[in-house]
Amino acid sequence: MGKTFVEKLFSERLGEDLKPGDIVMVRPDFVMSHDNSYAIIKTFKDMCGEKVFDPERIVIVLDHVVPPASEKYAKNHQIIRRFVDEQGIKFFFDINTEGGICHQVLSEKGFALPGKIIFGADSHTTTYGAFGAFSAGIGRSEVASIWATGEIWIKIPDSMKIVIEGNPGKGITPKDIVLYIIGTIGADGALYRSVEFTGSVVENMSISGRMVLSNMAAEMGAKNGVCLPDKKTFDFVDRVKKEDYSPVYPDDNADYIEVKEFDITNIEPQVAFPHTVDNVKPVSEADGIEVHEALIGTCTNGRLEDLKAAAEILKGRK
């Protein structure tokens, strides 16, 4: 039997014949943290950590509380800056640098590459799967441990294939598609699974759209969510890559714990109602609800094509 994306990636990286359920130690290519680096620094020092394992494998982005909303956060940022200087951490994106939302930064600055292994202290670290990487969110203490040792343990997850076909109608975005999927399978529908997004709809999606799918894999409980790299991927990453990369693809005869197929031809725009991400309904059921505030952004969306779509809707409606 062939191997899925996650099975092949870790088998090739570790030189072992791995299967779901195997527990292994792995050295990630990059580990990311953001404003929560303050707490990670404390844990790192409590672990008797003196020097990080490799200052060129750590990426820190200040993005959650910028500018700092209180004296407490300002002091936390100062502690992070001192730590970066003391440790010689190469990749630090401060408030006044070419930074931004952490997942956008790692994507645009060439860290998210096909075949790479990336962990981050944020649940939506799954975003980098849009580029063919294995990426997953972990806890702060786990990041501190990687800082100290350069390694982390992982249980090889079962793999699930999500096939998306059809012709999306007017106004249907990748966010609508993934919300529709989550509303169908539930917030635990891919619990600790490696999700492979495939199908003609994914192939035709922009890189920004694929980032939405991989980002939202976390909201269906997945360990990671990957879109297999193609020419679009290579055109993007080859302009920004930090280092060489080697794409990984599943075998044609790979074994999946589940395959789910979705035809999105006739779906409406989707809305996640309170209070859970899988309480998803078509927008027609939101008719008449007064909107007091709207946010166009976050780490899932907020890229240029999202702003363009919002501008087209809002034009002439001030």
Protein backbone atom coordinates (compact mmCIF):
# COMPACT_ATOMS: atom_id res chain seq x y z
CA MET A 1 0.00 0.00 0.00
CA GLY A 2 1.24 3.47 -0.86
CA LYS A 3 1.71 6.39 1.47
CA THR A 4 -0.27 9.55 2.04
CA PHE A 5 1.33 12.99 2.12
CA VAL A 6 2.06 12.98 5.85
CA GLU A 7 3.23 9.36 5.91
CA LYS A 8 5.63 9.91 3.01
CA LEU A 9 6.98 13.24 4.29
CA PHE A 10 7.92 11.92 7.73
CA SER A 11 9.11 8.56 6.38
CA GLU A 12 11.48 10.27 3.96
CA ARG A 13 12.62 12.82 6.53
CA LEU A 14 13.40 10.21 9.20
CA GLY A 15 14.45 7.31 6.97
CA GLU A 16 11.81 5.01 8.44
CA ASP A 17 8.74 3.20 7.12
CA LEU A 18 6.14 5.07 9.16
CA LYS A 19 2.41 4.45 9.50
CA PRO A 20 -0.43 6.19 11.36
CA GLY A 21 -0.07 5.90 15.12
CA ASP A 22 3.73 5.77 15.10
CA ILE A 23 5.32 8.24 17.52
CA VAL A 24 8.56 9.84 16.36
CA MET A 25 10.93 12.68 17.19
CA VAL A 26 11.45 15.22 14.43
CA ARG A 27 13.51 18.36 13.90
CA PRO A 28 11.26 21.03 12.35
CA ASP A 29 12.57 23.33 9.66
CA PHE A 30 11.08 26.37 11.39
CA VAL A 31 9.23 27.11 14.61
CA MET A 32 7.06 30.21 14.87
CA SER A 33 5.70 32.26 17.75
CA HIS A 34 4.17 35.71 18.11
CA ASP A 35 3.36 37.98 21.08
CA ASN A 36 3.04 34.83 23.18
CA SER A 37 6.83 34.57 22.93
CA TYR A 38 6.94 36.38 26.27
CA ALA A 39 5.43 33.34 28.03
CA ILE A 40 7.55 30.96 25.94
CA ILE A 41 10.73 32.78 27.00
CA LYS A 42 9.79 32.28 30.65
CA THR A 43 9.14 28.57 30.13
CA PHE A 44 12.36 28.21 28.12
CA LYS A 45 14.37 29.71 30.98
CA ASP A 46 12.53 27.59 33.55
CA MET A 47 13.66 24.57 31.54
CA CYS A 48 17.23 25.77 32.16
CA GLY A 49 17.47 26.82 28.55
CA GLU A 50 20.44 29.12 27.98
CA LYS A 51 20.89 29.18 24.22
CA VAL A 52 18.31 28.33 21.58
CA PHE A 53 19.07 25.31 19.42
CA ASP A 54 19.45 27.35 16.20
CA PRO A 55 18.73 31.09 15.96
CA GLU A 56 18.11 30.72 12.21
CA ARG A 57 15.25 28.23 12.67
CA ILE A 58 13.14 30.43 14.94
CA VAL A 59 10.68 33.00 13.61
CA ILE A 60 9.04 35.55 15.92
CA VAL A 61 6.35 37.94 14.68
CA LEU A 62 4.69 40.62 16.81
CA ASP A 63 1.14 40.75 15.52
CA HIS A 64 -1.51 40.11 18.17
CA VAL A 65 -1.34 43.27 20.28
CA VAL A 66 0.19 45.92 18.04
CA PRO A 67 0.63 48.58 19.01
CA PRO A 68 0.63 47.37 22.63
CA ALA A 69 -2.71 48.17 24.26
CA SER A 70 -1.33 48.47 27.78
CA GLU A 71 1.87 48.91 29.76
CA LYS A 72 1.88 45.15 30.37
CA TYR A 73 1.98 44.34 26.67
CA ALA A 74 4.58 47.04 26.00
CA LYS A 75 6.86 45.48 28.63
CA ASN A 76 6.27 42.02 27.18
CA HIS A 77 7.37 43.29 23.77
CA GLN A 78 10.52 44.76 25.34
CA ILE A 79 11.35 41.39 26.92
CA ILE A 80 10.90 39.68 23.55
CA ARG A 81 13.18 42.21 21.82
CA ARG A 82 15.92 41.72 24.42
CA PHE A 83 15.67 37.94 24.07
CA VAL A 84 15.94 38.20 20.28
CA ASP A 85 19.09 40.33 20.63
CA GLU A 86 20.65 38.09 23.29
CA GLN A 87 20.01 34.91 21.30
CA GLY A 88 20.86 36.34 17.90
CA ILE A 89 17.52 35.25 16.47
CA LYS A 90 17.70 36.12 12.79
CA PHE A 91 14.04 36.23 11.82
CA PHE A 92 12.26 38.75 14.02
CA PHE A 93 9.42 40.84 12.61
CA ASP A 94 8.83 43.76 14.94
CA ILE A 95 6.02 46.30 14.78
CA ASN A 96 8.06 48.77 12.73
CA THR A 97 9.42 46.23 10.24
CA GLU A 98 7.91 44.52 7.21
CA GLY A 99 5.72 42.44 9.46
CA GLY A 100 2.02 41.79 9.74
CA ILE A 101 -0.13 38.82 10.67
CA CYS A 102 2.25 35.95 11.43
CA HIS A 103 0.83 33.46 8.93
CA GLN A 104 0.91 36.03 6.16
CA VAL A 105 4.50 36.93 7.04
CA LEU A 106 5.79 33.36 6.94
CA SER A 107 4.02 32.82 3.63
CA GLU A 108 5.24 36.01 1.95
CA LYS A 109 8.77 35.85 3.36
CA GLY A 110 9.54 32.39 2.03
CA PHE A 111 9.39 30.18 5.12
CA ALA A 112 6.30 28.24 3.99
CA LEU A 113 7.68 25.91 1.33
CA PRO A 114 6.75 22.52 -0.14
CA GLY A 115 7.97 19.58 1.92
CA LYS A 116 8.93 21.66 4.96
CA ILE A 117 7.94 20.83 8.55
CA ILE A 118 6.79 23.86 10.52
CA PHE A 119 5.33 24.14 14.00
CA GLY A 120 3.94 27.27 15.58
CA ALA A 121 2.45 28.55 18.82
CA ASP A 122 -0.83 29.33 17.10
CA SER A 123 -3.65 26.97 16.14
CA HIS A 124 -3.83 28.32 12.59
CA THR A 125 -0.23 27.39 11.81
CA THR A 126 -1.95 24.86 9.53
CA THR A 127 -2.03 27.72 6.97
CA TYR A 128 1.34 26.76 5.45
CA GLY A 129 -0.16 23.54 4.12
CA ALA A 130 -1.39 25.72 1.25
CA PHE A 131 2.20 25.58 -0.02
CA GLY A 132 2.64 21.84 0.40
CA ALA A 133 4.25 22.03 3.83
CA PHE A 134 3.36 20.03 6.92
CA SER A 135 2.47 22.66 9.49
CA ALA A 136 0.68 22.39 12.81
CA GLY A 137 -0.13 24.42 15.87
CA ILE A 138 1.39 23.44 19.20
CA GLY A 139 1.41 24.75 22.76
CA ARG A 140 3.77 27.31 24.25
CA SER A 141 5.65 24.76 26.37
CA GLU A 142 6.22 22.65 23.25
CA VAL A 143 7.71 25.65 21.45
CA ALA A 144 9.96 26.30 24.45
CA SER A 145 11.09 22.68 24.27
CA ILE A 146 11.93 23.04 20.57
CA TRP A 147 13.87 26.22 21.32
CA ALA A 148 15.91 24.21 23.83
CA THR A 149 16.35 20.89 22.00
CA GLY A 150 15.48 21.44 18.35
CA GLU A 151 13.09 18.49 18.45
CA ILE A 152 9.46 17.63 19.09
CA TRP A 153 7.55 14.36 19.21
CA ILE A 154 4.59 13.73 16.95
CA LYS A 155 2.16 10.88 16.43
CA ILE A 156 1.72 10.24 12.72
CA PRO A 157 -1.95 11.07 12.05
CA ASP A 158 -4.45 9.17 9.95
CA SER A 159 -5.06 10.84 6.60
CA MET A 160 -8.36 12.10 5.23
CA LYS A 161 -8.95 13.23 1.66
CA ILE A 162 -11.44 16.01 0.93
CA VAL A 163 -12.32 16.22 -2.76
CA ILE A 164 -13.98 19.47 -3.88
CA GLU A 165 -15.66 19.54 -7.28
CA GLY A 166 -18.24 21.65 -9.10
CA ASN A 167 -18.58 25.19 -10.39
CA PRO A 168 -18.81 27.78 -7.62
CA GLY A 169 -21.50 30.38 -8.22
CA LYS A 170 -21.19 34.14 -8.09
CA GLY A 171 -19.90 35.40 -4.77
CA ILE A 172 -18.75 31.97 -3.56
CA THR A 173 -15.30 32.24 -2.03
CA PRO A 174 -12.94 29.65 -0.54
CA LYS A 175 -14.19 30.73 2.91
CA ASP A 176 -17.75 29.81 1.91
CA ILE A 177 -16.54 26.46 0.63
CA VAL A 178 -14.61 25.53 3.75
CA LEU A 179 -17.40 26.73 6.05
CA TYR A 180 -19.81 24.54 4.08
CA ILE A 181 -17.48 21.58 4.61
CA ILE A 182 -17.11 22.27 8.33
CA GLY A 183 -20.85 22.69 8.70
CA THR A 184 -21.28 19.27 7.08
CA ILE A 185 -18.62 17.23 8.89
CA GLY A 186 -18.55 19.17 12.18
CA ALA A 187 -15.83 20.91 14.17
CA ASP A 188 -14.43 17.48 15.08
CA GLY A 189 -14.94 15.92 11.67
CA ALA A 190 -11.22 15.65 10.99
CA LEU A 191 -9.97 15.31 14.56
CA TYR A 192 -6.18 14.73 14.61
CA ARG A 193 -6.20 13.86 10.94
CA SER A 194 -3.95 15.00 8.13
CA VAL A 195 -6.36 16.48 5.61
CA GLU A 196 -5.49 16.56 1.91
CA PHE A 197 -7.59 19.07 -0.05
CA THR A 198 -7.94 17.95 -3.68
CA GLY A 199 -10.26 18.25 -6.66
CA SER A 200 -10.74 20.64 -9.57
CA VAL A 201 -11.97 23.48 -7.35
CA VAL A 202 -8.74 23.39 -5.34
CA GLU A 203 -6.65 23.18 -8.50
CA ASN A 204 -8.35 26.31 -9.84
CA MET A 205 -8.01 28.25 -6.58
CA SER A 206 -5.54 31.05 -6.10
CA ILE A 207 -2.79 30.68 -3.52
CA SER A 208 -4.77 33.02 -1.25
CA GLY A 209 -7.77 30.74 -1.56
CA ARG A 210 -5.77 27.64 -0.70
CA MET A 211 -4.44 29.44 2.36
CA VAL A 212 -8.04 29.77 3.54
CA LEU A 213 -8.60 26.01 3.23
CA SER A 214 -5.43 25.06 5.09
CA ASN A 215 -5.95 27.74 7.73
CA MET A 216 -9.49 26.52 8.44
CA ALA A 217 -8.37 22.88 8.65
CA ALA A 218 -7.75 23.67 12.31
CA GLU A 219 -11.46 24.48 12.70
CA MET A 220 -12.43 20.95 11.66
CA GLY A 221 -10.03 19.52 14.24
CA ALA A 222 -7.30 18.54 11.79
CA LYS A 223 -3.65 18.19 12.74
CA ASN A 224 -2.74 19.72 9.39
CA GLY A 225 -4.34 20.54 6.06
CA VAL A 226 -2.40 20.41 2.81
CA CYS A 227 -2.96 21.47 -0.80
CA LEU A 228 -0.60 19.61 -3.09
CA PRO A 229 1.94 21.92 -4.76
CA ASP A 230 1.63 22.72 -8.45
CA LYS A 231 2.82 25.40 -10.87
CA LYS A 232 0.91 28.11 -8.99
CA THR A 233 2.70 27.09 -5.82
CA PHE A 234 6.13 27.06 -7.40
CA ASP A 235 5.58 30.41 -9.13
CA PHE A 236 4.78 31.93 -5.74
CA VAL A 237 7.44 30.33 -3.55
CA ASP A 238 10.29 30.60 -6.03
CA ARG A 239 10.06 34.40 -5.79
CA VAL A 240 10.41 34.45 -2.01
CA LYS A 241 11.95 31.16 -0.82
CA LYS A 242 14.37 31.27 2.10
CA GLU A 243 16.01 28.00 1.06
CA ASP A 244 15.69 25.06 -1.29
CA TYR A 245 12.76 22.71 -0.94
CA SER A 246 11.63 19.26 -2.06
CA PRO A 247 7.90 18.72 -2.75
CA VAL A 248 6.16 15.64 -1.40
CA TYR A 249 3.13 14.00 -3.00
CA PRO A 250 0.95 11.11 -1.85
CA ASP A 251 1.09 7.84 -3.76
CA ASP A 252 -1.80 7.02 -6.09
CA ASN A 253 -2.57 3.92 -4.02
CA ALA A 254 -2.35 5.65 -0.64
CA ASP A 255 -4.80 4.46 2.02
CA TYR A 256 -7.09 7.05 3.64
CA ILE A 257 -9.18 6.60 6.75
CA GLU A 258 -11.94 8.53 4.99
CA VAL A 259 -12.60 10.24 1.67
CA LYS A 260 -15.24 12.98 1.58
CA GLU A 261 -16.50 14.43 -1.71
CA PHE A 262 -18.25 17.78 -2.03
CA ASP A 263 -20.02 19.33 -5.02
CA ILE A 264 -20.22 23.05 -4.32
CA THR A 265 -22.05 24.02 -7.52
CA ASN A 266 -25.29 25.07 -5.85
CA ILE A 267 -24.18 26.33 -2.44
CA GLU A 268 -24.98 29.84 -1.24
CA PRO A 269 -22.53 32.06 0.59
CA GLN A 270 -22.15 30.61 4.08
CA VAL A 271 -22.34 32.13 7.56
CA ALA A 272 -21.08 30.59 10.82
CA PHE A 273 -23.71 31.53 13.39
CA PRO A 274 -23.02 31.79 17.14
CA HIS A 275 -21.55 30.12 19.00
CA THR A 276 -19.59 27.44 17.17
CA VAL A 277 -17.72 27.34 13.89
CA ASP A 278 -19.79 24.39 12.66
CA ASN A 279 -23.13 26.13 13.22
CA VAL A 280 -23.08 27.03 9.54
CA LYS A 281 -26.10 28.23 7.58
CA PRO A 282 -26.65 29.70 4.10
CA VAL A 283 -26.66 33.47 4.02
CA SER A 284 -30.36 33.49 3.12
CA GLU A 285 -31.06 32.42 6.71
CA ALA A 286 -29.27 35.55 7.94
CA ASP A 287 -31.62 37.84 6.05
CA GLY A 288 -32.88 40.64 8.27
CA ILE A 289 -30.17 40.34 10.91
CA GLU A 290 -28.72 43.77 11.67
CA VAL A 291 -24.93 44.00 11.39
CA HIS A 292 -23.32 46.42 13.84
CA GLU A 293 -19.67 45.84 12.99
CA ALA A 294 -17.76 43.91 10.36
CA LEU A 295 -14.09 42.92 10.26
CA ILE A 296 -12.32 42.25 6.99
CA GLY A 297 -9.09 40.61 8.00
CA THR A 298 -7.73 38.03 10.48
CA CYS A 299 -5.22 35.34 9.56
CA THR A 300 -7.77 33.46 7.45
CA ASN A 301 -8.63 36.25 5.04
CA GLY A 302 -7.71 39.93 4.69
CA ARG A 303 -5.60 39.54 1.58
CA LEU A 304 -5.99 41.71 -1.51
CA GLU A 305 -8.60 39.55 -3.22
CA ASP A 306 -10.73 39.65 -0.04
CA LEU A 307 -10.48 43.43 0.16
CA LYS A 308 -11.37 43.68 -3.53
CA ALA A 309 -14.48 41.53 -3.04
CA ALA A 310 -15.54 43.62 -0.05
CA ALA A 311 -14.98 46.85 -1.98
CA GLU A 312 -17.17 45.62 -4.83
CA ILE A 313 -20.00 44.84 -2.39
CA LEU A 314 -19.68 48.13 -0.53
CA LYS A 315 -19.29 50.36 -3.57
CA GLY A 316 -21.98 53.04 -3.54
CA ARG A 317 -23.39 51.88 -0.19
CA LYS A 318 -21.72 54.28 2.25
